[in-house]
C-alpha atoms as a PDB file:
ATOM      1  CA  MET A   1      -4.654   6.561 -14.869  1.00  0.00           C
ATOM      2  CA  ASP A   2      -6.102   4.047 -17.298  1.00  0.00           C
ATOM      3  CA  SER A   3      -7.496   0.561 -16.796  1.00  0.00           C
ATOM      4  CA  SER A   4      -4.246  -1.105 -17.793  1.00  0.00           C
ATOM      5  CA  GLY A   5      -2.595   0.197 -14.653  1.00  0.00           C
ATOM      6  CA  ARG A   6      -0.351   2.698 -16.428  1.00  0.00           C
ATOM      7  CA  LYS A   7       0.222   6.064 -14.797  1.00  0.00           C
ATOM      8  CA  ALA A   8      -1.159   9.269 -16.229  1.00  0.00           C
ATOM      9  CA  SER A   9       1.358  11.557 -17.889  1.00  0.00           C
ATOM     10  CA  GLY A  10       3.452  13.437 -15.324  1.00  0.00           C
ATOM     11  CA  ALA A  11       2.129  11.460 -12.339  1.00  0.00           C
ATOM     12  CA  THR A  12       4.418   9.746  -9.846  1.00  0.00           C
ATOM     13  CA  PRO A  13       4.100   5.981 -10.473  1.00  0.00           C
ATOM     14  CA  ARG A  14       2.424   4.030  -7.713  1.00  0.00           C
ATOM     15  CA  LEU A  15       3.915   0.858  -6.301  1.00  0.00           C
ATOM     16  CA  TYR A  16       1.603  -1.410  -8.248  1.00  0.00           C
ATOM     17  CA  GLN A  17       2.310   0.522 -11.469  1.00  0.00           C
ATOM     18  CA  ARG A  18       6.050   0.051 -11.069  1.00  0.00           C
ATOM     19  CA  ALA A  19       5.580  -3.671 -10.389  1.00  0.00           C
ATOM     20  CA  PHE A  20       3.245  -3.837 -13.416  1.00  0.00           C
ATOM     21  CA  ASP A  21       5.798  -2.129 -15.670  1.00  0.00           C
ATOM     22  CA  ILE A  22       8.699  -4.378 -14.620  1.00  0.00           C
ATOM     23  CA  LEU A  23       6.703  -7.608 -14.824  1.00  0.00           C
ATOM     24  CA  ALA A  24       5.088  -6.672 -18.135  1.00  0.00           C
ATOM     25  CA  GLY A  25       8.473  -5.873 -19.642  1.00  0.00           C
ATOM     26  CA  GLN A  26      10.018  -9.125 -18.457  1.00  0.00           C
ATOM     27  CA  ILE A  27       7.069 -11.193 -19.697  1.00  0.00           C
ATOM     28  CA  ARG A  28       7.206  -9.543 -23.119  1.00  0.00           C
ATOM     29  CA  ASP A  29      10.995  -9.983 -23.278  1.00  0.00           C
ATOM     30  CA  GLY A  30      10.759 -13.628 -22.276  1.00  0.00           C
ATOM     31  CA  ALA A  31      12.704 -13.185 -19.029  1.00  0.00           C
ATOM     32  CA  ILE A  32       9.696 -14.764 -17.319  1.00  0.00           C
ATOM     33  CA  ALA A  33       8.749 -17.747 -19.449  1.00  0.00           C
ATOM     34  CA  PRO A  34       5.257 -18.799 -20.552  1.00  0.00           C
ATOM     35  CA  GLY A  35       3.761 -21.163 -18.005  1.00  0.00           C
ATOM     36  CA  SER A  36       5.575 -19.542 -15.066  1.00  0.00           C
ATOM     37  CA  SER A  37       3.482 -19.109 -11.938  1.00  0.00           C
ATOM     38  CA  LEU A  38       3.210 -15.731 -10.210  1.00  0.00           C
ATOM     39  CA  ARG A  39       1.572 -15.271  -6.815  1.00  0.00           C
ATOM     40  CA  GLU A  40       0.921 -12.030  -4.983  1.00  0.00           C
ATOM     41  CA  SER A  41       2.828 -13.090  -1.845  1.00  0.00           C
ATOM     42  CA  ALA A  42       6.017 -13.752  -3.834  1.00  0.00           C
ATOM     43  CA  VAL A  43       5.681 -10.547  -5.870  1.00  0.00           C
ATOM     44  CA  ALA A  44       5.081  -8.538  -2.687  1.00  0.00           C
ATOM     45  CA  GLN A  45       8.145 -10.035  -1.017  1.00  0.00           C
ATOM     46  CA  GLN A  46      10.400  -9.492  -4.020  1.00  0.00           C
ATOM     47  CA  PHE A  47       9.413  -5.853  -4.474  1.00  0.00           C
ATOM     48  CA  GLY A  48       9.251  -5.056  -0.750  1.00  0.00           C
ATOM     49  CA  ILE A  49       5.614  -3.935  -1.010  1.00  0.00           C
ATOM     50  CA  SER A  50       2.393  -5.022   0.663  1.00  0.00           C
ATOM     51  CA  ARG A  51       0.102  -7.592  -0.904  1.00  0.00           C
ATOM     52  CA  ALA A  52      -2.459  -5.000  -2.050  1.00  0.00           C
ATOM     53  CA  PRO A  53      -0.267  -3.349  -4.734  1.00  0.00           C
ATOM     54  CA  ALA A  54       1.161  -6.763  -5.663  1.00  0.00           C
ATOM     55  CA  ARG A  55      -2.365  -8.092  -6.151  1.00  0.00           C
ATOM     56  CA  ARG A  56      -3.316  -5.022  -8.179  1.00  0.00           C
ATOM     57  CA  ALA A  57      -0.269  -5.418 -10.445  1.00  0.00           C
ATOM     58  CA  LEU A  58      -1.154  -9.048 -11.154  1.00  0.00           C
ATOM     59  CA  GLU A  59      -4.797  -8.169 -11.818  1.00  0.00           C
ATOM     60  CA  GLU A  60      -3.753  -5.482 -14.300  1.00  0.00           C
ATOM     61  CA  LEU A  61      -1.364  -7.899 -16.019  1.00  0.00           C
ATOM     62  CA  ALA A  62      -4.237 -10.349 -16.407  1.00  0.00           C
ATOM     63  CA  ARG A  63      -6.461  -7.614 -17.857  1.00  0.00           C
ATOM     64  CA  SER A  64      -3.658  -6.807 -20.304  1.00  0.00           C
ATOM     65  CA  GLY A  65      -3.620 -10.414 -21.510  1.00  0.00           C
ATOM     66  CA  LEU A  66      -0.162 -11.233 -20.122  1.00  0.00           C
ATOM     67  CA  LEU A  67      -1.396 -13.510 -17.327  1.00  0.00           C
ATOM     68  CA  GLU A  68      -4.330 -15.797 -16.794  1.00  0.00           C
ATOM     69  CA  LYS A  69      -5.818 -17.046 -13.542  1.00  0.00           C
ATOM     70  CA  SER A  70      -4.446 -20.475 -12.690  1.00  0.00           C
ATOM     71  CA  ALA A  71      -6.568 -23.454 -11.700  1.00  0.00           C
ATOM     72  CA  GLY A  72      -4.994 -23.253  -8.260  1.00  0.00           C
ATOM     73  CA  ARG A  73      -3.673 -20.081  -6.636  1.00  0.00           C
ATOM     74  CA  GLY A  74      -2.093 -17.145  -8.421  1.00  0.00           C
ATOM     75  CA  TYR A  75      -1.597 -16.539 -12.128  1.00  0.00           C
ATOM     76  CA  VAL A  76       0.172 -18.234 -15.036  1.00  0.00           C
ATOM     77  CA  VAL A  77       2.175 -16.354 -17.690  1.00  0.00           C
ATOM     78  CA  ARG A  78       0.550 -16.595 -21.124  1.00  0.00           C
ATOM     79  CA  GLU A  79       2.326 -16.981 -24.447  1.00  0.00           C
ATOM     80  CA  VAL A  80       2.803 -13.500 -25.917  1.00  0.00           C
ATOM     81  CA  SER A  81       3.029 -12.908 -29.654  1.00  0.00           C
ATOM     82  CA  GLY A  82       6.164 -11.074 -30.727  1.00  0.00           C
ATOM     83  CA  ARG A  83       8.067 -12.183 -27.640  1.00  0.00           C
ATOM     84  CA  ARG A  84      11.861 -12.100 -27.951  1.00  0.00           C
ATOM     85  CA  PRO A  85      13.033 -15.686 -27.302  1.00  0.00           C
ATOM     86  CA  THR A  86      15.317 -15.022 -24.333  1.00  0.00           C
ATOM     87  CA  ALA A  87      13.712 -17.759 -22.288  1.00  0.00           C
ATOM     88  CA  LYS A  88      12.200 -21.047 -23.349  1.00  0.00           C
ATOM     89  CA  ALA A  89       8.757 -22.172 -22.360  1.00  0.00           C
ATOM     90  CA  PRO A  90       8.672 -25.239 -20.112  1.00  0.00           C
ATOM     91  CA  THR A  91       8.681 -28.503 -22.073  1.00  0.00           C
ATOM     92  CA  THR A  92       5.936 -31.079 -21.716  1.00  0.00           C
ATOM     93  CA  GLY A  93       6.127 -32.775 -18.347  1.00  0.00           C
ATOM     94  CA  THR A  94       8.240 -30.003 -16.802  1.00  0.00           C
ATOM     95  CA  PRO A  95       6.367 -28.068 -14.133  1.00  0.00           C
ATOM     96  CA  ALA A  96       6.202 -24.298 -14.385  1.00  0.00           C
ATOM     97  CA  PRO A  97       8.558 -22.444 -12.063  1.00  0.00           C
ATOM     98  CA  THR A  98       7.166 -21.678  -8.637  1.00  0.00           C
ATOM     99  CA  ALA A  99       6.331 -18.081  -7.756  1.00  0.00           C
ATOM    100  CA  PRO A 100       9.616 -17.435  -5.903  1.00  0.00           C
ATOM    101  CA  ALA A 101      11.649 -18.823  -8.829  1.00  0.00           C
ATOM    102  CA  ALA A 102       9.834 -16.617 -11.313  1.00  0.00           C
ATOM    103  CA  ALA A 103       9.995 -13.611  -9.023  1.00  0.00           C
ATOM    104  CA  SER A 104      13.739 -14.089  -8.521  1.00  0.00           C
ATOM    105  CA  ARG A 105      14.241 -12.769 -12.059  1.00  0.00           C
ATOM    106  CA  LEU A 106      12.716  -9.388 -11.240  1.00  0.00           C
ATOM    107  CA  GLN A 107      14.923  -6.327 -11.434  1.00  0.00           C
ATOM    108  CA  ALA A 108      16.625  -5.233  -8.223  1.00  0.00           C
ATOM    109  CA  LEU A 109      15.270  -2.315  -6.238  1.00  0.00           C
ATOM    110  CA  SER A 110      17.178   0.955  -6.005  1.00  0.00           C
ATOM    111  CA  THR A 111      19.414   1.362  -2.943  1.00  0.00           C
ATOM    112  CA  TRP A 112      17.034   3.751  -1.214  1.00  0.00           C
ATOM    113  CA  GLU A 113      14.114   1.382  -1.775  1.00  0.00           C
ATOM    114  CA  LYS A 114      16.009  -1.446  -0.068  1.00  0.00           C
ATOM    115  CA  ILE A 115      16.188   0.459   3.226  1.00  0.00           C
ATOM    116  CA  TYR A 116      13.044   2.564   2.937  1.00  0.00           C
ATOM    117  CA  GLY A 117      10.615  -0.007   4.343  1.00  0.00           C
ATOM    118  CA  GLU A 118      12.686  -0.559   7.471  1.00  0.00           C
ATOM    119  CA  VAL A 119      13.113   3.185   8.109  1.00  0.00           C
ATOM    120  CA  GLU A 120       9.414   3.849   7.542  1.00  0.00           C
ATOM    121  CA  HIS A 121       8.476   1.062   9.938  1.00  0.00           C
ATOM    122  CA  ALA A 122      10.873   2.398  12.586  1.00  0.00           C
ATOM    123  CA  ILE A 123       9.332   5.857  12.404  1.00  0.00           C
ATOM    124  CA  VAL A 124       5.708   4.716  12.620  1.00  0.00           C
ATOM    125  CA  ALA A 125       6.665   2.465  15.542  1.00  0.00           C
ATOM    126  CA  HIS A 126       7.933   5.529  17.419  1.00  0.00           C
ATOM    127  CA  ILE A 127       5.440   8.315  16.689  1.00  0.00           C
ATOM    128  CA  ALA A 128       2.814   6.851  19.021  1.00  0.00           C
ATOM    129  CA  PHE A 129       5.021   8.087  21.861  1.00  0.00           C
ATOM    130  CA  ALA A 130       6.486  11.478  20.933  1.00  0.00           C
ATOM    131  CA  ASP A 131       7.809  13.810  18.242  1.00  0.00           C
ATOM    132  CA  TRP A 132      11.128  12.607  16.829  1.00  0.00           C
ATOM    133  CA  ARG A 133      13.924  14.336  14.973  1.00  0.00           C
ATOM    134  CA  LEU A 134      15.507  12.358  12.141  1.00  0.00           C
ATOM    135  CA  ASN A 135      19.268  12.923  11.802  1.00  0.00           C
ATOM    136  CA  GLU A 136      20.211  12.517   8.141  1.00  0.00           C
ATOM    137  CA  ALA A 137      23.942  11.956   8.738  1.00  0.00           C
ATOM    138  CA  ARG A 138      23.321   9.271  11.362  1.00  0.00           C
ATOM    139  CA  LEU A 139      20.788   7.584   9.101  1.00  0.00           C
ATOM    140  CA  ALA A 140      23.434   7.352   6.361  1.00  0.00           C
ATOM    141  CA  ARG A 141      25.992   5.897   8.809  1.00  0.00           C
ATOM    142  CA  THR A 142      23.503   3.395  10.247  1.00  0.00           C
ATOM    143  CA  TYR A 143      22.855   1.836   6.852  1.00  0.00           C
ATOM    144  CA  GLY A 144      26.263   2.494   5.285  1.00  0.00           C
ATOM    145  CA  VAL A 145      24.789   4.499   2.411  1.00  0.00           C
ATOM    146  CA  SER A 146      25.472   7.879   0.851  1.00  0.00           C
ATOM    147  CA  ARG A 147      23.690  11.096   1.776  1.00  0.00           C
ATOM    148  CA  THR A 148      22.126  10.998  -1.688  1.00  0.00           C
ATOM    149  CA  VAL A 149      20.417   7.731  -0.765  1.00  0.00           C
ATOM    150  CA  THR A 150      19.199   9.069   2.585  1.00  0.00           C
ATOM    151  CA  ARG A 151      17.802  12.157   0.859  1.00  0.00           C
ATOM    152  CA  ASP A 152      15.798   9.877  -1.423  1.00  0.00           C
ATOM    153  CA  VAL A 153      14.455   8.058   1.648  1.00  0.00           C
ATOM    154  CA  ILE A 154      13.641  11.323   3.407  1.00  0.00           C
ATOM    155  CA  GLY A 155      11.945  12.680   0.297  1.00  0.00           C
ATOM    156  CA  ARG A 156       9.667   9.642   0.195  1.00  0.00           C
ATOM    157  CA  LEU A 157       8.917   9.942   3.934  1.00  0.00           C
ATOM    158  CA  GLN A 158       8.013  13.596   3.404  1.00  0.00           C
ATOM    159  CA  GLN A 159       5.817  12.672   0.445  1.00  0.00           C
ATOM    160  CA  ARG A 160       4.028  10.109   2.615  1.00  0.00           C
ATOM    161  CA  GLY A 161       3.362  12.761   5.259  1.00  0.00           C
ATOM    162  CA  LEU A 162       5.576  11.173   7.912  1.00  0.00           C
ATOM    163  CA  LEU A 163       8.225  13.914   8.010  1.00  0.00           C
ATOM    164  CA  HIS A 164       8.226  17.690   7.798  1.00  0.00           C
ATOM    165  CA  LYS A 165      10.757  20.435   8.426  1.00  0.00           C
ATOM    166  CA  ASP A 166      10.318  22.485  11.598  1.00  0.00           C
ATOM    167  CA  ASP A 167      11.213  26.157  12.064  1.00  0.00           C
ATOM    168  CA  SER A 168      14.858  25.182  12.601  1.00  0.00           C
ATOM    169  CA  ALA A 169      14.939  23.232   9.301  1.00  0.00           C
ATOM    170  CA  ARG A 170      15.146  19.917  11.155  1.00  0.00           C
ATOM    171  CA  TRP A 171      13.363  16.826   9.872  1.00  0.00           C
ATOM    172  CA  VAL A 172      10.650  15.958  12.381  1.00  0.00           C
ATOM    173  CA  ALA A 173       8.233  13.038  12.588  1.00  0.00           C
ATOM    174  CA  PRO A 174       5.185  14.389  14.455  1.00  0.00           C
ATOM    175  CA  ALA A 175       3.617  12.378  17.253  1.00  0.00           C
ATOM    176  CA  LEU A 176       0.231  10.717  16.806  1.00  0.00           C
ATOM    177  CA  THR A 177      -1.512  12.893  19.380  1.00  0.00           C
ATOM    178  CA  ARG A 178      -5.305  13.036  19.471  1.00  0.00           C
ATOM    179  CA  ASP A 179      -5.228  16.572  18.024  1.00  0.00           C
ATOM    180  CA  HIS A 180      -2.880  15.616  15.166  1.00  0.00           C
ATOM    181  CA  VAL A 181      -4.731  12.411  14.319  1.00  0.00           C
ATOM    182  CA  GLY A 182      -8.044  14.273  14.530  1.00  0.00           C
ATOM    183  CA  GLU A 183      -6.856  16.903  12.059  1.00  0.00           C
ATOM    184  CA  LEU A 184      -5.686  14.214   9.630  1.00  0.00           C
ATOM    185  CA  TYR A 185      -8.972  12.318   9.841  1.00  0.00           C
ATOM    186  CA  GLU A 186     -10.921  15.529   9.283  1.00  0.00           C
ATOM    187  CA  LEU A 187      -8.978  16.121   6.079  1.00  0.00           C
ATOM    188  CA  ARG A 188      -9.671  12.543   5.032  1.00  0.00           C
ATOM    189  CA  TRP A 189     -13.444  12.689   5.508  1.00  0.00           C
ATOM    190  CA  VAL A 190     -13.543  15.931   3.514  1.00  0.00           C
ATOM    191  CA  LEU A 191     -11.265  14.881   0.624  1.00  0.00           C
ATOM    192  CA  GLU A 192     -11.692  11.138   0.165  1.00  0.00           C
ATOM    193  CA  PRO A 193     -15.436  11.175  -0.609  1.00  0.00           C
ATOM    194  CA  VAL A 194     -14.721  13.709  -3.361  1.00  0.00           C
ATOM    195  CA  ALA A 195     -12.029  11.442  -4.800  1.00  0.00           C
ATOM    196  CA  LEU A 196     -14.392   8.467  -4.619  1.00  0.00           C
ATOM    197  CA  GLN A 197     -17.065  10.254  -6.659  1.00  0.00           C
ATOM    198  CA  LYS A 198     -14.496  11.129  -9.302  1.00  0.00           C
ATOM    199  CA  ALA A 199     -13.098   7.585  -9.317  1.00  0.00           C
ATOM    200  CA  ALA A 200     -16.439   5.762  -9.589  1.00  0.00           C
ATOM    201  CA  PRO A 201     -16.962   6.165 -13.371  1.00  0.00           C
ATOM    202  CA  ARG A 202     -13.302   5.333 -14.065  1.00  0.00           C
ATOM    203  CA  LEU A 203     -13.084   1.986 -12.268  1.00  0.00           C
ATOM    204  CA  PRO A 204     -11.986  -0.951 -14.451  1.00  0.00           C
ATOM    205  CA  ARG A 205     -14.434  -3.744 -15.153  1.00  0.00           C
ATOM    206  CA  GLY A 206     -14.427  -6.274 -12.329  1.00  0.00           C
ATOM    207  CA  PHE A 207     -12.595  -3.975  -9.905  1.00  0.00           C
ATOM    208  CA  LEU A 208     -15.458  -3.677  -7.403  1.00  0.00           C
ATOM    209  CA  ARG A 209     -16.223  -7.382  -7.631  1.00  0.00           C
ATOM    210  CA  GLY A 210     -12.634  -8.079  -6.586  1.00  0.00           C
ATOM    211  CA  LEU A 211     -12.861  -5.677  -3.635  1.00  0.00           C
ATOM    212  CA  ARG A 212     -16.113  -7.249  -2.448  1.00  0.00           C
ATOM    213  CA  LYS A 213     -14.620 -10.738  -2.671  1.00  0.00           C
ATOM    214  CA  HIS A 214     -11.622  -9.723  -0.559  1.00  0.00           C
ATOM    215  CA  LEU A 215     -13.890  -8.155   2.074  1.00  0.00           C
ATOM    216  CA  GLU A 216     -16.285 -11.080   2.229  1.00  0.00           C
ATOM    217  CA  GLU A 217     -13.392 -13.517   2.649  1.00  0.00           C
ATOM    218  CA  ALA A 218     -11.998 -11.361   5.472  1.00  0.00           C
ATOM    219  CA  ILE A 219     -15.383 -11.195   7.229  1.00  0.00           C
ATOM    220  CA  ASP A 220     -15.800 -14.967   6.946  1.00  0.00           C
ATOM    221  CA  ASN A 221     -12.341 -15.451   8.512  1.00  0.00           C
ATOM    222  CA  ALA A 222     -12.470 -12.557  10.980  1.00  0.00           C
ATOM    223  CA  SER A 223     -11.236 -14.605  13.945  1.00  0.00           C
ATOM    224  CA  ALA A 224      -7.977 -15.469  12.161  1.00  0.00           C
ATOM    225  CA  ILE A 225      -7.370 -12.202  10.333  1.00  0.00           C
ATOM    226  CA  THR A 226      -3.861 -10.745  10.418  1.00  0.00           C
ATOM    227  CA  GLY A 227      -2.615  -7.190  10.621  1.00  0.00           C
ATOM    228  CA  ALA A 228      -1.146  -7.526   7.121  1.00  0.00           C
ATOM    229  CA  THR A 229      -4.567  -8.464   5.731  1.00  0.00           C
ATOM    230  CA  LEU A 230      -6.191  -5.475   7.441  1.00  0.00           C
ATOM    231  CA  ASP A 231      -3.535  -3.236   5.908  1.00  0.00           C
ATOM    232  CA  ASP A 232      -4.185  -4.702   2.460  1.00  0.00           C
ATOM    233  CA  LEU A 233      -7.937  -4.137   2.807  1.00  0.00           C
ATOM    234  CA  GLU A 234      -7.379  -0.512   3.820  1.00  0.00           C
ATOM    235  CA  GLU A 235      -5.237   0.027   0.706  1.00  0.00           C
ATOM    236  CA  ASP A 236      -7.916  -1.577  -1.475  1.00  0.00           C
ATOM    237  CA  ILE A 237     -10.370   1.241  -0.694  1.00  0.00           C
ATOM    238  CA  HIS A 238      -8.293   4.227   0.319  1.00  0.00           C
ATOM    239  CA  VAL A 239      -5.435   3.864  -2.193  1.00  0.00           C
ATOM    240  CA  ALA A 240      -6.323   1.566  -5.106  1.00  0.00           C
ATOM    241  CA  LEU A 241      -9.928   2.711  -5.517  1.00  0.00           C
ATOM    242  CA  LEU A 242      -9.345   6.420  -4.919  1.00  0.00           C
ATOM    243  CA  GLY A 243      -6.307   6.290  -7.200  1.00  0.00           C
ATOM    244  CA  HIS A 244      -8.690   6.095 -10.159  1.00  0.00           C
ATOM    245  CA  CYS A 245     -10.042   9.604  -9.479  1.00  0.00           C
ATOM    246  CA  GLY A 246      -8.019  11.041 -12.375  1.00  0.00           C
ATOM    247  CA  SER A 247      -6.918  14.132 -10.435  1.00  0.00           C
ATOM    248  CA  ALA A 248      -3.226  14.334  -9.571  1.00  0.00           C
ATOM    249  CA  ALA A 249      -3.828  17.508  -7.535  1.00  0.00           C
ATOM    250  CA  LEU A 250      -6.544  15.858  -5.448  1.00  0.00           C
ATOM    251  CA  MET A 251      -4.445  12.763  -4.810  1.00  0.00           C
ATOM    252  CA  GLN A 252      -1.532  14.983  -3.784  1.00  0.00           C
ATOM    253  CA  ALA A 253      -3.811  16.760  -1.292  1.00  0.00           C
ATOM    254  CA  ILE A 254      -4.896  13.389   0.090  1.00  0.00           C
ATOM    255  CA  THR A 255      -1.291  12.220   0.593  1.00  0.00           C
ATOM    256  CA  LEU A 256      -0.681  14.037   3.896  1.00  0.00           C
ATOM    257  CA  PRO A 257      -3.718  12.732   5.795  1.00  0.00           C
ATOM    258  CA  GLN A 258      -3.132   9.280   4.348  1.00  0.00           C
ATOM    259  CA  SER A 259       0.091   9.083   6.361  1.00  0.00           C
ATOM    260  CA  LEU A 260      -2.358   7.498   8.797  1.00  0.00           C
ATOM    261  CA  LEU A 261      -2.513   4.451   6.523  1.00  0.00           C
ATOM    262  CA  VAL A 262       1.224   4.005   6.942  1.00  0.00           C
ATOM    263  CA  ALA A 263       0.869   4.291  10.716  1.00  0.00           C
ATOM    264  CA  HIS A 264      -2.031   1.849  10.697  1.00  0.00           C
ATOM    265  CA  ARG A 265       0.231  -0.770   9.125  1.00  0.00           C
ATOM    266  CA  PHE A 266       2.117  -0.883  12.435  1.00  0.00           C
ATOM    267  CA  LEU A 267      -0.997  -0.440  14.571  1.00  0.00           C
ATOM    268  CA  TYR A 268      -2.830  -3.304  12.850  1.00  0.00           C
ATOM    269  CA  ARG A 269       0.127  -5.621  13.316  1.00  0.00           C
ATOM    270  CA  GLU A 270       0.157  -4.962  17.058  1.00  0.00           C
ATOM    271  CA  THR A 271      -3.619  -4.774  17.627  1.00  0.00           C
ATOM    272  CA  ALA A 272      -5.183  -6.941  14.897  1.00  0.00           C
ATOM    273  CA  HIS A 273      -7.849  -8.363  17.241  1.00  0.00           C
ATOM    274  CA  LEU A 274      -8.411  -5.373  19.510  1.00  0.00           C
ATOM    275  CA  PHE A 275     -12.098  -5.183  18.565  1.00  0.00           C
ATOM    276  CA  GLY A 276     -12.783  -8.882  18.041  1.00  0.00           C
ATOM    277  CA  THR A 277     -14.322  -8.567  14.591  1.00  0.00           C
ATOM    278  CA  GLU A 278     -12.659  -5.619  12.852  1.00  0.00           C
ATOM    279  CA  PRO A 279     -15.406  -2.953  12.544  1.00  0.00           C
ATOM    280  CA  PHE A 280     -14.145  -1.357   9.338  1.00  0.00           C
ATOM    281  CA  LEU A 281     -14.846  -4.514   7.293  1.00  0.00           C
ATOM    282  CA  PRO A 282     -18.650  -4.072   7.036  1.00  0.00           C
ATOM    283  CA  GLU A 283     -18.139  -0.320   6.592  1.00  0.00           C
ATOM    284  CA  HIS A 284     -15.889  -0.902   3.580  1.00  0.00           C
ATOM    285  CA  LEU A 285     -18.335  -3.478   2.263  1.00  0.00           C
ATOM    286  CA  GLU A 286     -21.152  -0.910   2.422  1.00  0.00           C
ATOM    287  CA  VAL A 287     -19.091   1.503   0.311  1.00  0.00           C
ATOM    288  CA  VAL A 288     -18.389  -1.184  -2.295  1.00  0.00           C
ATOM    289  CA  GLU A 289     -21.972  -2.434  -2.458  1.00  0.00           C
ATOM    290  CA  ARG A 290     -23.333   1.079  -2.980  1.00  0.00           C
ATOM    291  CA  LEU A 291     -20.848   1.677  -5.769  1.00  0.00           C
ATOM    292  CA  GLU A 292     -21.862  -1.621  -7.383  1.00  0.00           C
ATOM    293  CA  ALA A 293     -25.486  -0.463  -7.219  1.00  0.00           C
ATOM    294  CA  GLY A 294     -24.564   2.785  -8.965  1.00  0.00           C
ATOM    295  CA  LYS A 295     -25.328   4.852  -5.853  1.00  0.00           C
ATOM    296  CA  VAL A 296     -22.170   6.929  -5.953  1.00  0.00           C
ATOM    297  CA  ALA A 297     -23.344   9.770  -3.667  1.00  0.00           C
ATOM    298  CA  ALA A 298     -24.510   7.240  -1.082  1.00  0.00           C
ATOM    299  CA  ALA A 299     -21.150   5.457  -1.319  1.00  0.00           C
ATOM    300  CA  ALA A 300     -19.362   8.766  -0.691  1.00  0.00           C
ATOM    301  CA  LYS A 301     -21.554   9.375   2.376  1.00  0.00           C
ATOM    302  CA  ALA A 302     -20.801   5.860   3.627  1.00  0.00           C
ATOM    303  CA  LEU A 303     -17.083   6.516   3.211  1.00  0.00           C
ATOM    304  CA  GLU A 304     -17.364   9.768   5.147  1.00  0.00           C
ATOM    305  CA  ARG A 305     -19.230   8.019   7.992  1.00  0.00           C
ATOM    306  CA  HIS A 306     -16.605   5.300   8.068  1.00  0.00           C
ATOM    307  CA  LEU A 307     -13.783   7.824   8.403  1.00  0.00           C
ATOM    308  CA  ARG A 308     -15.581   9.804  11.110  1.00  0.00           C
ATOM    309  CA  VAL A 309     -16.115   6.770  13.330  1.00  0.00           C
ATOM    310  CA  SER A 310     -12.602   5.471  12.624  1.00  0.00           C
ATOM    311  CA  LEU A 311     -10.993   8.337  14.545  1.00  0.00           C
ATOM    312  CA  ASP A 312     -11.793   7.005  18.012  1.00  0.00           C
ATOM    313  CA  ARG A 313     -10.769   3.486  17.021  1.00  0.00           C
ATOM    314  CA  ALA A 314      -7.388   4.786  15.815  1.00  0.00           C
ATOM    315  CA  ILE A 315      -6.850   6.612  19.112  1.00  0.00           C
ATOM    316  CA  GLU A 316      -7.731   3.445  21.019  1.00  0.00           C
ATOM    317  CA  ARG A 317      -5.136   1.479  19.059  1.00  0.00           C
ATOM    318  CA  ILE A 318      -2.494   4.151  19.717  1.00  0.00           C
ATOM    319  CA  ASP A 319      -3.307   4.092  23.456  1.00  0.00           C
ATOM    320  CA  VAL A 320      -2.779   0.320  23.505  1.00  0.00           C
ATOM    321  CA  ILE A 321       0.640   0.742  21.868  1.00  0.00           C
ATOM    322  CA  ARG A 322       1.636   3.391  24.404  1.00  0.00           C
ATOM    323  CA  ARG A 323       0.710   1.110  27.291  1.00  0.00           C
ATOM    324  CA  GLU A 324       2.184  -2.131  26.003  1.00  0.00           C
ATOM    325  CA  VAL A 325       5.144  -1.286  23.734  1.00  0.00           C
ATOM    326  CA  THR A 326       8.495   0.326  24.536  1.00  0.00           C
ATOM    327  CA  PRO A 327      10.150   2.127  21.611  1.00  0.00           C
ATOM    328  CA  SER A 328      13.664   0.941  20.807  1.00  0.00           C
ATOM    329  CA  GLU A 329      16.602   3.324  20.688  1.00  0.00           C
ATOM    330  CA  LEU A 330      17.821   4.135  17.184  1.00  0.00           C
ATOM    331  CA  PRO A 331      20.910   6.247  16.438  1.00  0.00           C
ATOM    332  CA  TYR A 332      19.162   8.365  13.810  1.00  0.00           C
ATOM    333  CA  LEU A 333      16.010   9.204  15.820  1.00  0.00           C
ATOM    334  CA  GLU A 334      16.120  11.755  18.653  1.00  0.00           C
ATOM    335  CA  ARG A 335      13.125  12.101  20.961  1.00  0.00           C
ATOM    336  CA  LEU A 336      11.954  15.710  21.130  1.00  0.00           C
ATOM    337  CA  GLY A 337       9.426  15.466  23.945  1.00  0.00           C
ATOM    338  CA  PRO A 338       6.418  13.595  25.339  1.00  0.00           C
ATOM    339  CA  SER A 339       3.349  13.095  23.131  1.00  0.00           C
END
């Protein structure tokens, strides 16, 4: 993966890369006019992704010279040489389109992508309680889509580590038991520090400065932090940073244990202030500061320590969910037994 946000040859494109590609194409074609305003919240909403990949896509567009930071919030589309004149730049005295207006011209998502987020959320909201079988035919009927679409959804869930086939060839979402979560965290503290050391020399200019800024802002506003912000900050380190490691095989190995990040998205929403000040914030900041100082081995050790101590906090969040939340009944999920 290079500093422009483009995927390496043969690699599966990440969410931010796909957003980058679509936005870059529309800016160059003039579908999004010079002077238009783009903000990460609007891009995230339009693409159905979290703010972290939306932010990364906008940052990469700015590095590519297609956007520039606005005086207020967000980015402004720059004039691009060689642009096909399919859209006119705003005339003098006409305000640039707002972020939602600009984002409304983005290409539509595929059918499976439109339902994927809801299905993923439903699964992670249930696996705190038990193992669940996913019924492919009922999933198709629930959303009124073809089996081809549901297979695309299931394939993505499998890729994210949320589903696997059992001995009877059934699709199963395994429960977040202490043993299962412990195994996943053990894989993470073995593999992620290796990926970090490989990523360190490949990080784009200004990347770490951006991560530190996000963390410092979160620490300063810890009392009002939201679950969505915590999720974004997790992706900053464990997805965006590690994604620069340059090893498709290593990132594929990391995919299974990082199903925990998907589960945490739900856990953070329900337990954003469980610990008062979120303890992973200074731990992430330590990793970033050591990387900025060129102490890559020390940063890898700090990441390993962070993942080791995060296990008990994850279990505590799951226990809270079990005590306080009742899973809803869904036609395509069948409970297989107690967790």
